[in-house]
Protein backbone atom coordinates (compact mmCIF):
# COMPACT_ATOMS: atom_id res chain seq x y z
CA MET A 1 0.00 0.00 0.00
CA SER A 2 1.40 3.41 -0.99
CA ALA A 3 1.95 6.30 1.37
CA ILE A 4 -0.89 8.23 -0.28
CA ALA A 5 -3.28 5.34 0.28
CA LEU A 6 -2.25 5.09 3.94
CA LEU A 7 -2.78 8.81 4.35
CA ASP A 8 -6.23 8.60 2.76
CA THR A 9 -7.14 5.73 5.07
CA ALA A 10 -5.98 7.68 8.12
CA ILE A 11 -7.92 10.78 7.09
CA THR A 12 -11.04 8.72 6.45
CA SER A 13 -10.74 7.07 9.88
CA LEU A 14 -10.26 10.48 11.45
CA TYR A 15 -13.40 11.91 9.87
CA GLN A 16 -15.37 8.82 10.88
CA ALA A 17 -14.19 9.17 14.46
CA LEU A 18 -15.14 12.85 14.55
CA GLU A 19 -18.70 12.04 13.51
CA THR A 20 -19.60 10.72 17.00
CA PRO A 21 -19.12 12.21 20.49
CA VAL A 22 -17.42 9.00 21.60
CA GLY A 23 -14.94 9.25 18.76
CA ILE A 24 -14.19 12.88 19.57
CA VAL A 25 -13.51 12.03 23.23
CA ALA A 26 -11.30 9.12 22.19
CA LEU A 27 -9.23 11.26 19.81
CA CYS A 28 -8.90 14.09 22.34
CA SER A 29 -7.75 11.62 24.99
CA ALA A 30 -5.15 10.14 22.63
CA GLY A 31 -3.97 13.61 21.61
CA ILE A 32 -3.53 14.77 25.21
CA ALA A 33 -1.79 11.51 26.14
CA GLY A 34 0.58 11.86 23.21
CA ALA A 35 1.37 15.45 24.18
CA LEU A 36 2.16 14.35 27.75
CA VAL A 37 4.52 11.66 26.46
CA ILE A 38 6.36 14.28 24.37
CA VAL A 39 6.62 16.67 27.33
CA SER A 40 7.94 13.87 29.57
CA ALA A 41 10.96 13.52 27.26
CA PHE A 42 12.14 16.95 28.46
CA VAL A 43 11.57 16.39 32.19
CA LYS A 44 14.66 15.65 34.29
CA THR A 45 13.18 14.81 37.71
CA MET A 46 11.26 11.68 38.56
CA ILE A 47 8.09 12.90 40.31
CA PRO A 48 6.97 15.17 37.42
CA LEU A 49 7.91 12.39 35.01
CA ARG A 50 5.76 9.88 36.90
CA CYS A 51 2.85 12.35 36.97
CA LEU A 52 3.10 12.83 33.20
CA ALA A 53 3.22 9.05 32.78
CA VAL A 54 0.04 8.71 34.83
CA GLY A 55 -1.67 11.29 32.61
CA GLY A 56 -0.48 9.50 29.49
CA ASN A 57 -1.70 6.14 30.81
CA LEU A 58 -5.13 7.58 31.54
CA GLY A 59 -5.41 9.20 28.12
CA PHE A 60 -4.42 6.08 26.20
CA LEU A 61 -6.59 3.92 28.46
CA ILE A 62 -9.64 6.04 27.63
CA TYR A 63 -8.77 5.94 23.94
CA GLY A 64 -8.30 2.17 24.02
CA ALA A 65 -11.66 1.70 25.73
CA LEU A 66 -13.66 4.05 23.44
CA HIS A 67 -11.87 3.18 20.23
CA PRO A 68 -11.65 -0.51 21.08
CA SER A 69 -8.07 -1.72 21.35
CA PHE A 70 -7.52 -4.60 23.77
CA ILE A 71 -3.71 -4.31 23.59
CA MET A 72 -3.75 -0.61 24.49
CA VAL A 73 -6.17 -1.16 27.37
CA LEU A 74 -4.07 -4.06 28.69
CA LEU A 75 -0.77 -2.16 28.41
CA HIS A 76 -1.84 1.12 29.97
CA GLY A 77 -4.17 -0.57 32.45
CA THR A 78 -1.10 -2.40 33.75
CA MET A 79 1.22 0.62 33.75
CA LEU A 80 -1.23 3.01 35.42
CA PRO A 81 -1.25 1.45 38.95
CA ILE A 82 2.54 0.99 38.79
CA ASN A 83 3.12 4.66 37.98
CA LEU A 84 0.56 5.73 40.60
CA TYR A 85 2.29 3.62 43.25
CA ARG A 86 5.78 4.90 42.38
CA THR A 87 4.58 8.51 42.40
CA ALA A 88 2.91 8.11 45.78
CA GLU A 89 6.01 6.36 47.12
CA MET A 90 8.38 9.20 46.17
CA VAL A 91 5.98 11.90 47.41
CA ARG A 92 5.58 10.04 50.71
CA LEU A 93 9.34 9.72 51.14
CA THR A 94 9.89 13.44 50.50
CA ARG A 95 7.21 14.35 53.04
CA ARG A 96 8.75 12.05 55.64
CA VAL A 97 12.21 13.50 55.17
CA ARG A 98 10.89 17.07 55.23
CA ALA A 99 8.88 16.39 58.38
CA SER A 100 11.96 14.87 60.03
CA ALA A 101 14.07 17.88 59.09
CA ASP A 102 11.44 20.35 60.34
CA SER A 103 11.04 18.50 63.64
CA SER A 104 14.81 17.94 64.07
CA ASP A 105 14.19 14.19 64.10
CA LEU A 106 17.61 12.71 63.29
CA SER A 107 16.64 9.07 63.74
CA GLY A 108 16.37 8.29 60.03
CA VAL A 109 13.18 6.21 60.41
CA TRP A 110 11.99 7.54 57.04
CA LEU A 111 14.72 5.50 55.30
CA ARG A 112 13.64 2.15 56.74
CA PRO A 113 11.45 1.04 53.78
CA TYR A 114 14.48 1.36 51.49
CA MET A 115 16.99 -0.47 53.70
CA ARG A 116 17.99 -4.13 53.96
CA LYS A 117 18.00 -6.04 57.23
CA LYS A 118 21.17 -7.53 58.66
CA ARG A 119 21.39 -9.50 61.92
CA MET A 120 24.59 -9.28 63.96
CA ARG A 121 25.80 -11.44 66.83
CA LYS A 122 27.03 -10.09 70.14
CA ASN A 123 30.62 -8.75 69.95
CA SER A 124 30.64 -8.86 66.13
CA VAL A 125 32.08 -5.79 64.42
CA LEU A 126 29.97 -3.97 61.87
CA PHE A 127 32.88 -1.90 60.59
CA HIS A 128 36.41 -0.99 61.71
CA LYS A 129 38.08 2.39 61.89
CA GLY A 130 39.57 3.15 58.49
CA ASP A 131 37.15 0.92 56.53
CA GLU A 132 35.52 2.32 53.42
CA ALA A 133 32.03 3.66 54.14
CA THR A 134 29.88 1.80 51.62
CA HIS A 135 26.63 1.81 53.63
CA LEU A 136 24.47 4.03 55.78
CA TYR A 137 23.00 2.24 58.83
CA PHE A 138 19.96 2.28 61.09
CA LEU A 139 20.00 0.36 64.38
CA ALA A 140 16.61 -1.36 64.70
CA GLU A 141 17.37 -3.59 67.72
CA GLY A 142 20.19 -3.93 70.22
CA GLN A 143 23.10 -1.72 71.26
CA ILE A 144 26.25 -0.73 69.40
CA GLU A 145 29.46 0.61 70.93
CA PHE A 146 31.80 2.99 69.14
CA VAL A 147 34.97 1.49 70.53
CA GLU A 148 37.44 4.38 70.28
CA ILE A 149 35.29 6.77 72.30
CA GLY A 150 33.47 4.20 74.47
CA GLU A 151 30.03 5.52 73.49
CA ILE A 152 27.09 3.12 73.37
CA MET A 153 24.15 3.79 71.04
CA ASP A 154 20.66 2.42 71.64
CA ALA A 155 18.21 1.27 68.97
CA GLY A 156 16.27 3.74 66.84
CA ARG A 157 19.20 5.78 65.53
CA LEU A 158 20.74 6.41 62.15
CA PHE A 159 24.53 6.14 62.17
CA GLY A 160 27.54 6.02 59.88
CA GLU A 161 26.34 9.04 57.92
CA ILE A 162 29.44 11.20 58.45
CA ALA A 163 31.84 8.83 56.70
CA PHE A 164 29.16 7.92 54.14
CA PHE A 165 29.14 11.52 52.90
CA ALA A 166 32.79 12.37 53.66
CA PRO A 167 35.18 12.96 50.71
CA ASP A 168 37.54 10.13 51.73
CA LYS A 169 34.62 7.82 52.73
CA ARG A 170 36.61 6.29 55.60
CA ARG A 171 35.23 5.26 58.99
CA SER A 172 36.57 7.29 61.88
CA LEU A 173 35.37 4.80 64.55
CA THR A 174 34.86 1.08 65.04
CA ALA A 175 31.27 -0.11 65.57
CA ARG A 176 30.90 -3.24 67.74
CA CYS A 177 27.67 -4.97 68.75
CA VAL A 178 27.32 -4.97 72.55
CA THR A 179 24.24 -7.20 72.23
CA PRO A 180 22.71 -9.17 69.36
CA CYS A 181 21.64 -6.48 66.91
CA THR A 182 19.36 -5.97 63.94
CA VAL A 183 20.86 -3.40 61.61
CA LEU A 184 19.24 -1.92 58.53
CA GLN A 185 21.54 -0.72 55.77
CA ILE A 186 21.32 1.18 52.52
CA ASP A 187 24.10 1.25 49.94
CA GLU A 188 25.32 4.22 47.93
CA ASN A 189 23.68 3.11 44.67
CA THR A 190 20.22 2.87 46.26
CA PHE A 191 20.71 6.22 47.95
CA ARG A 192 21.74 7.80 44.65
CA GLN A 193 18.67 6.37 42.94
CA LEU A 194 16.43 7.93 45.59
CA TYR A 195 18.19 11.24 45.07
CA TYR A 196 17.92 11.16 41.27
CA GLN A 197 14.27 10.18 41.45
CA ASN A 198 13.56 13.15 43.70
CA PRO A 199 16.24 15.86 44.21
CA ALA A 200 14.15 17.36 47.03
CA PHE A 201 14.89 14.17 48.98
CA GLY A 202 18.63 14.85 48.70
CA PHE A 203 18.23 18.45 49.85
CA GLU A 204 16.30 17.39 52.94
CA VAL A 205 18.88 14.68 53.71
CA VAL A 206 21.64 17.31 53.61
CA LYS A 207 19.67 19.35 56.15
CA LEU A 208 19.36 16.30 58.41
CA VAL A 209 23.08 15.47 58.18
CA ALA A 210 23.93 19.10 58.92
CA GLY A 211 21.63 18.91 61.95
CA ARG A 212 23.40 15.77 63.16
CA LEU A 213 26.82 17.44 62.77
CA LEU A 214 25.61 20.50 64.66
CA ALA A 215 24.19 18.34 67.47
CA ASP A 216 27.49 16.43 67.72
CA ARG A 217 29.42 19.69 67.87
CA GLN A 218 27.21 21.07 70.63
CA ARG A 219 27.57 17.84 72.61
CA LEU A 220 31.36 17.99 72.25
CA GLU A 221 31.44 21.61 73.38
CA GLN A 222 29.39 20.71 76.46
CA GLN A 223 31.75 17.83 77.27
CA LEU A 224 34.78 20.09 76.93
CA ALA A 225 33.15 22.73 79.10
CA SER A 226 32.44 20.16 81.82
CA VAL A 227 36.12 19.12 82.07
CA GLU A 228 37.66 22.59 81.97
CA PRO A 229 39.32 23.51 85.31
CA PRO A 230 37.62 26.26 87.27
CA ALA A 231 39.09 29.74 86.86
CA ARG A 232 41.59 30.72 89.53
CA THR A 233 40.81 33.57 91.88
CA SER A 234 43.46 35.93 93.14
């Protein structure tokens, strides 16, 4: 079939579709969905991209239902809930991180759904001083001692973030399990994916890490102040 014949067939189908309200709705839905797909090619961040994908799925789903196409209905009917779920997931994560930053909650609970569980025996070492920081950790159960400073951390805290973001990525302390522990961990690749999917997530994480550094500094200053000798009186 020649190109002219294909064009004539397409024009004829278009006019036939425009003769009924259902056809008009179907064509408008397909046109809007196509426009959203084109716009999504220029979007760099994941949440807007997912939203555009949802709009495109809806448009093509309506078109496939009104201008019967089982394949189109099946494809976009499958993709729609996936894109809706991923969009809601990223929005929920951003809200959790923002709420934690606003409330000065440095526990890192908002990262738990994206972390993998690791069980540690008593006296086992999670990492040694000088090791490469390949993971960020959350202590779900048990107690961990930072050997060099003799500090014991209870469950419910994020830790290992300083070396994780440091330029040399080296641990400054050794982490040893005082009791049997359940540790959640997230690697750098997963963390990067979360950041690329939603840059706002990365910005809020920076605020949280800065808050942790500030809290550590204030605690150190208080400790130094408590050991300073009293001023001599003449």
